[in-house]
Amino acid sequence: MSLFLAFHLIQIKSWDPNRYLYSSTQKGSSL
C-alpha cells in the first residue's frame, strides 16, 4: 500500500502540482 501511494504521489507531482494537491486533499478527506 505504501509503495503504491508513494508511486502515485510521485507520478502526480511529476505531472502537475495542482493535480497533486487536489489528489492529496481528496485522499485526506477519504481517509
Protein backbone atom coordinates (compact mmCIF):
# COMPACT_ATOMS: atom_id res chain seq x y z
CA MET A 1 0.00 0.00 0.00
CA SER A 2 2.78 2.40 0.96
CA LEU A 3 4.72 1.79 -2.24
CA PHE A 4 1.63 2.25 -4.36
CA LEU A 5 0.77 5.52 -2.65
CA ALA A 6 4.33 6.79 -2.96
CA PHE A 7 4.45 5.96 -6.66
CA HIS A 8 1.07 7.60 -7.22
CA LEU A 9 2.11 10.76 -5.41
CA ILE A 10 5.41 10.96 -7.28
CA GLN A 11 3.72 10.42 -10.62
CA ILE A 12 1.12 13.11 -9.96
CA LYS A 13 3.74 15.52 -8.64
CA SER A 14 5.78 15.00 -11.79
CA TRP A 15 2.73 15.60 -13.96
CA ASP A 16 1.13 18.62 -12.30
CA PRO A 17 1.43 20.19 -8.82
CA ASN A 18 -2.21 21.30 -8.91
CA ARG A 19 -3.32 17.74 -9.56
CA TYR A 20 -1.12 16.56 -6.71
CA LEU A 21 -2.76 19.00 -4.30
CA TYR A 22 -6.25 18.01 -5.46
CA SER A 23 -5.48 14.30 -5.11
CA SER A 24 -3.90 14.85 -1.70
CA THR A 25 -6.99 16.69 -0.46
CA GLN A 26 -9.31 14.03 -1.82
CA LYS A 27 -7.23 11.24 -0.28
CA GLY A 28 -7.11 13.05 3.07
CA SER A 29 -10.87 13.54 3.04
CA SER A 30 -11.42 9.91 2.10
CA LEU A 31 -9.10 8.67 4.85
